[in-house]
Amino acid sequence: MAKNLVWADEEYLHLDAGIRELVKALHFLGVKTVMSCQGHIRTSCVYQGILPWPWIIIAANPRQMEALQKSLDSWNNANWRKKWILSVERIHGSFTPDYVEHMIEREFRGCQVRALVPREENNSLSHEILAELQTHVPDLSRFLLGKEKHFENL
């Protein structure tokens, strides 16, 4: 796995600032990302099936996905108010199942595709809740980088 934590920030400027650090951490660990969003408070998003909270669609081989799940379990055990999950269902909340299946088949053969999202029980977010969720991103990024050993030789 290529280890180059010092990427030019220009390579990530097209990403939402509120999710950029987590995408960079995942790339450092060798996990591919497909798309991401820092979350937005818009009524139209919920009605269109778009997830209002921060999310990243990731593609990883089964061993990488297992390492990521193990790291998230450790994070969630230590941070009961800041839980993040890997979800198949949340992918389909933003995109049609046919689109996701086509994307997997065409671009990510042999990979599992999941959404990395905060564990929120409902779609009604306030600006305050979204801001709090976004503050989790740098902490989770640093935490995952500290679990680098889980991702070695995958």
C-alpha atoms as a PDB file:
ATOM      1  CA  MET A   1       0.000   0.000   0.000  1.00  0.00           C
ATOM      2  CA  ALA A   2       1.373   3.407  -0.963  1.00  0.00           C
ATOM      3  CA  LYS A   3       1.964   5.552   2.110  1.00  0.00           C
ATOM      4  CA  ASN A   4       2.142   9.235   1.292  1.00  0.00           C
ATOM      5  CA  LEU A   5       0.394  11.337   3.891  1.00  0.00           C
ATOM      6  CA  VAL A   6       1.735  14.580   2.481  1.00  0.00           C
ATOM      7  CA  TRP A   7      -0.579  15.081  -0.473  1.00  0.00           C
ATOM      8  CA  ALA A   8      -0.908  18.479  -2.019  1.00  0.00           C
ATOM      9  CA  ASP A   9      -4.028  20.112  -0.650  1.00  0.00           C
ATOM     10  CA  GLU A  10      -4.890  21.062  -4.229  1.00  0.00           C
ATOM     11  CA  GLU A  11      -5.717  17.405  -4.887  1.00  0.00           C
ATOM     12  CA  TYR A  12      -8.550  17.636  -2.362  1.00  0.00           C
ATOM     13  CA  LEU A  13      -9.858  21.176  -2.885  1.00  0.00           C
ATOM     14  CA  HIS A  14     -12.821  19.892  -4.913  1.00  0.00           C
ATOM     15  CA  LEU A  15     -14.104  18.075  -1.806  1.00  0.00           C
ATOM     16  CA  ASP A  16     -16.344  19.678   0.795  1.00  0.00           C
ATOM     17  CA  ALA A  17     -14.125  21.133   3.516  1.00  0.00           C
ATOM     18  CA  GLY A  18     -16.180  19.433   6.245  1.00  0.00           C
ATOM     19  CA  ILE A  19     -15.343  15.904   5.012  1.00  0.00           C
ATOM     20  CA  ARG A  20     -11.967  16.428   3.294  1.00  0.00           C
ATOM     21  CA  GLU A  21      -9.789  15.328   6.232  1.00  0.00           C
ATOM     22  CA  LEU A  22     -11.601  12.000   6.605  1.00  0.00           C
ATOM     23  CA  VAL A  23     -11.294  11.276   2.869  1.00  0.00           C
ATOM     24  CA  LYS A  24      -7.547  11.975   3.073  1.00  0.00           C
ATOM     25  CA  ALA A  25      -7.195   9.658   6.080  1.00  0.00           C
ATOM     26  CA  LEU A  26      -9.027   6.855   4.276  1.00  0.00           C
ATOM     27  CA  HIS A  27      -6.808   7.293   1.215  1.00  0.00           C
ATOM     28  CA  PHE A  28      -3.717   7.118   3.422  1.00  0.00           C
ATOM     29  CA  LEU A  29      -5.007   3.808   4.798  1.00  0.00           C
ATOM     30  CA  GLY A  30      -5.508   2.485   1.254  1.00  0.00           C
ATOM     31  CA  VAL A  31      -9.319   2.715   1.234  1.00  0.00           C
ATOM     32  CA  LYS A  32     -10.821   4.024  -2.003  1.00  0.00           C
ATOM     33  CA  THR A  33     -13.500   6.671  -1.846  1.00  0.00           C
ATOM     34  CA  VAL A  34     -16.147   7.072  -4.523  1.00  0.00           C
ATOM     35  CA  MET A  35     -17.909  10.273  -3.469  1.00  0.00           C
ATOM     36  CA  SER A  36     -18.538  12.290  -0.331  1.00  0.00           C
ATOM     37  CA  CYS A  37     -20.492  15.175   1.178  1.00  0.00           C
ATOM     38  CA  GLN A  38     -20.090  17.231   4.351  1.00  0.00           C
ATOM     39  CA  GLY A  39     -23.878  17.360   4.830  1.00  0.00           C
ATOM     40  CA  HIS A  40     -26.351  20.125   4.125  1.00  0.00           C
ATOM     41  CA  ILE A  41     -29.519  21.375   5.779  1.00  0.00           C
ATOM     42  CA  ARG A  42     -32.057  21.615   3.002  1.00  0.00           C
ATOM     43  CA  THR A  43     -35.602  20.351   3.181  1.00  0.00           C
ATOM     44  CA  SER A  44     -35.442  19.372  -0.477  1.00  0.00           C
ATOM     45  CA  CYS A  45     -32.559  16.974   0.227  1.00  0.00           C
ATOM     46  CA  VAL A  46     -34.615  14.790   2.548  1.00  0.00           C
ATOM     47  CA  TYR A  47     -37.535  14.669   0.127  1.00  0.00           C
ATOM     48  CA  GLN A  48     -35.231  13.718  -2.749  1.00  0.00           C
ATOM     49  CA  GLY A  49     -33.678  10.912  -0.705  1.00  0.00           C
ATOM     50  CA  ILE A  50     -30.344  12.726  -0.347  1.00  0.00           C
ATOM     51  CA  LEU A  51     -28.604  12.170   2.967  1.00  0.00           C
ATOM     52  CA  PRO A  52     -28.423  15.453   4.928  1.00  0.00           C
ATOM     53  CA  TRP A  53     -25.539  14.431   7.216  1.00  0.00           C
ATOM     54  CA  PRO A  54     -21.840  13.917   6.350  1.00  0.00           C
ATOM     55  CA  TRP A  55     -21.109  10.758   4.348  1.00  0.00           C
ATOM     56  CA  ILE A  56     -18.458   9.022   2.274  1.00  0.00           C
ATOM     57  CA  ILE A  57     -19.086   6.187  -0.165  1.00  0.00           C
ATOM     58  CA  ILE A  58     -16.109   3.844   0.103  1.00  0.00           C
ATOM     59  CA  ALA A  59     -14.951   0.818  -1.872  1.00  0.00           C
ATOM     60  CA  ALA A  60     -12.633  -1.658  -0.209  1.00  0.00           C
ATOM     61  CA  ASN A  61     -11.648  -5.272  -0.400  1.00  0.00           C
ATOM     62  CA  PRO A  62     -13.206  -7.473   2.284  1.00  0.00           C
ATOM     63  CA  ARG A  63     -10.082  -7.386   4.478  1.00  0.00           C
ATOM     64  CA  GLN A  64      -9.899  -3.588   4.345  1.00  0.00           C
ATOM     65  CA  MET A  65     -13.606  -3.365   5.136  1.00  0.00           C
ATOM     66  CA  GLU A  66     -13.086  -5.673   8.112  1.00  0.00           C
ATOM     67  CA  ALA A  67     -10.179  -3.522   9.353  1.00  0.00           C
ATOM     68  CA  LEU A  68     -12.273  -0.379   8.960  1.00  0.00           C
ATOM     69  CA  GLN A  69     -15.176  -1.976  10.833  1.00  0.00           C
ATOM     70  CA  LYS A  70     -12.828  -3.061  13.637  1.00  0.00           C
ATOM     71  CA  SER A  71     -11.475   0.488  13.893  1.00  0.00           C
ATOM     72  CA  LEU A  72     -14.982   1.969  13.893  1.00  0.00           C
ATOM     73  CA  ASP A  73     -16.070  -0.472  16.611  1.00  0.00           C
ATOM     74  CA  SER A  74     -13.170   0.735  18.740  1.00  0.00           C
ATOM     75  CA  TRP A  75     -14.078   4.386  18.019  1.00  0.00           C
ATOM     76  CA  ASN A  76     -17.748   3.793  18.801  1.00  0.00           C
ATOM     77  CA  ASN A  77     -16.962   2.040  22.096  1.00  0.00           C
ATOM     78  CA  ALA A  78     -14.935   5.058  23.217  1.00  0.00           C
ATOM     79  CA  ASN A  79     -17.258   7.742  21.804  1.00  0.00           C
ATOM     80  CA  TRP A  80     -20.852   6.875  22.612  1.00  0.00           C
ATOM     81  CA  ARG A  81     -22.153  10.231  21.317  1.00  0.00           C
ATOM     82  CA  LYS A  82     -20.124  10.208  18.104  1.00  0.00           C
ATOM     83  CA  LYS A  83     -20.897   6.854  16.520  1.00  0.00           C
ATOM     84  CA  TRP A  84     -20.129   6.210  12.838  1.00  0.00           C
ATOM     85  CA  ILE A  85     -21.260   3.155  10.896  1.00  0.00           C
ATOM     86  CA  LEU A  86     -20.715   1.377   7.585  1.00  0.00           C
ATOM     87  CA  SER A  87     -24.036   1.003   5.822  1.00  0.00           C
ATOM     88  CA  VAL A  88     -25.312  -0.539   2.600  1.00  0.00           C
ATOM     89  CA  GLU A  89     -28.792   0.902   3.109  1.00  0.00           C
ATOM     90  CA  ARG A  90     -27.561   4.496   3.329  1.00  0.00           C
ATOM     91  CA  ILE A  91     -25.981   4.161  -0.126  1.00  0.00           C
ATOM     92  CA  HIS A  92     -29.361   3.290  -1.547  1.00  0.00           C
ATOM     93  CA  GLY A  93     -30.835   6.283   0.270  1.00  0.00           C
ATOM     94  CA  SER A  94     -28.962   8.592  -2.100  1.00  0.00           C
ATOM     95  CA  PHE A  95     -28.745   6.552  -5.261  1.00  0.00           C
ATOM     96  CA  THR A  96     -30.833   3.950  -7.007  1.00  0.00           C
ATOM     97  CA  PRO A  97     -29.784   0.340  -6.399  1.00  0.00           C
ATOM     98  CA  ASP A  98     -29.209  -0.084 -10.159  1.00  0.00           C
ATOM     99  CA  TYR A  99     -26.766   2.840 -10.205  1.00  0.00           C
ATOM    100  CA  VAL A 100     -24.820   1.486  -7.240  1.00  0.00           C
ATOM    101  CA  GLU A 101     -24.684  -2.043  -8.672  1.00  0.00           C
ATOM    102  CA  HIS A 102     -23.527  -0.697 -12.043  1.00  0.00           C
ATOM    103  CA  MET A 103     -20.865   1.432 -10.330  1.00  0.00           C
ATOM    104  CA  ILE A 104     -19.589  -1.586  -8.371  1.00  0.00           C
ATOM    105  CA  GLU A 105     -19.518  -3.836 -11.421  1.00  0.00           C
ATOM    106  CA  ARG A 106     -17.797  -1.314 -13.675  1.00  0.00           C
ATOM    107  CA  GLU A 107     -15.297   0.369 -11.384  1.00  0.00           C
ATOM    108  CA  PHE A 108     -14.771  -1.662  -8.222  1.00  0.00           C
ATOM    109  CA  ARG A 109     -14.624  -5.345  -9.075  1.00  0.00           C
ATOM    110  CA  GLY A 110     -13.943  -7.436  -5.992  1.00  0.00           C
ATOM    111  CA  CYS A 111     -14.726  -4.557  -3.645  1.00  0.00           C
ATOM    112  CA  GLN A 112     -17.454  -4.079  -1.114  1.00  0.00           C
ATOM    113  CA  VAL A 113     -19.117  -0.684  -1.297  1.00  0.00           C
ATOM    114  CA  ARG A 114     -20.500   0.973   1.844  1.00  0.00           C
ATOM    115  CA  ALA A 115     -21.482   4.393   3.100  1.00  0.00           C
ATOM    116  CA  LEU A 116     -19.474   5.664   6.064  1.00  0.00           C
ATOM    117  CA  VAL A 117     -21.984   7.823   7.939  1.00  0.00           C
ATOM    118  CA  PRO A 118     -22.720   9.120  11.423  1.00  0.00           C
ATOM    119  CA  ARG A 119     -25.285   6.996  13.209  1.00  0.00           C
ATOM    120  CA  GLU A 120     -28.288   9.270  13.097  1.00  0.00           C
ATOM    121  CA  GLU A 121     -31.703   7.827  13.682  1.00  0.00           C
ATOM    122  CA  ASN A 122     -33.747  10.349  11.718  1.00  0.00           C
ATOM    123  CA  ASN A 123     -33.413  12.692   8.767  1.00  0.00           C
ATOM    124  CA  SER A 124     -34.461  15.856  10.590  1.00  0.00           C
ATOM    125  CA  LEU A 125     -31.223  17.651  11.331  1.00  0.00           C
ATOM    126  CA  SER A 126     -30.832  21.148  12.661  1.00  0.00           C
ATOM    127  CA  HIS A 127     -27.886  23.381  11.821  1.00  0.00           C
ATOM    128  CA  GLU A 128     -26.587  22.729  15.346  1.00  0.00           C
ATOM    129  CA  ILE A 129     -26.731  18.932  14.996  1.00  0.00           C
ATOM    130  CA  LEU A 130     -25.058  19.065  11.583  1.00  0.00           C
ATOM    131  CA  ALA A 131     -22.318  21.326  12.963  1.00  0.00           C
ATOM    132  CA  GLU A 132     -21.754  18.844  15.810  1.00  0.00           C
ATOM    133  CA  LEU A 133     -21.572  15.910  13.382  1.00  0.00           C
ATOM    134  CA  GLN A 134     -19.037  17.811  11.293  1.00  0.00           C
ATOM    135  CA  THR A 135     -16.847  18.345  14.362  1.00  0.00           C
ATOM    136  CA  HIS A 136     -16.490  14.559  14.626  1.00  0.00           C
ATOM    137  CA  VAL A 137     -14.681  14.361  11.285  1.00  0.00           C
ATOM    138  CA  PRO A 138     -11.203  15.587  12.366  1.00  0.00           C
ATOM    139  CA  ASP A 139     -11.303  13.476  15.534  1.00  0.00           C
ATOM    140  CA  LEU A 140     -12.349  10.350  13.630  1.00  0.00           C
ATOM    141  CA  SER A 141      -9.691  11.053  10.978  1.00  0.00           C
ATOM    142  CA  ARG A 142      -6.905  11.206  13.569  1.00  0.00           C
ATOM    143  CA  PHE A 143      -8.281   8.126  15.329  1.00  0.00           C
ATOM    144  CA  LEU A 144      -8.285   6.065  12.113  1.00  0.00           C
ATOM    145  CA  LEU A 145      -4.750   7.168  11.282  1.00  0.00           C
ATOM    146  CA  GLY A 146      -3.744   5.893  14.718  1.00  0.00           C
ATOM    147  CA  LYS A 147      -5.144   2.478  13.740  1.00  0.00           C
ATOM    148  CA  GLU A 148      -2.855   2.220  10.721  1.00  0.00           C
ATOM    149  CA  LYS A 149      -1.560  -1.180  11.868  1.00  0.00           C
ATOM    150  CA  HIS A 150      -5.026  -2.658  11.206  1.00  0.00           C
ATOM    151  CA  PHE A 151      -4.625  -1.774   7.517  1.00  0.00           C
ATOM    152  CA  GLU A 152      -1.069  -2.983   6.912  1.00  0.00           C
ATOM    153  CA  ASN A 153      -0.586  -5.538   4.138  1.00  0.00           C
ATOM    154  CA  LEU A 154      -4.204  -5.425   3.022  1.00  0.00           C
END
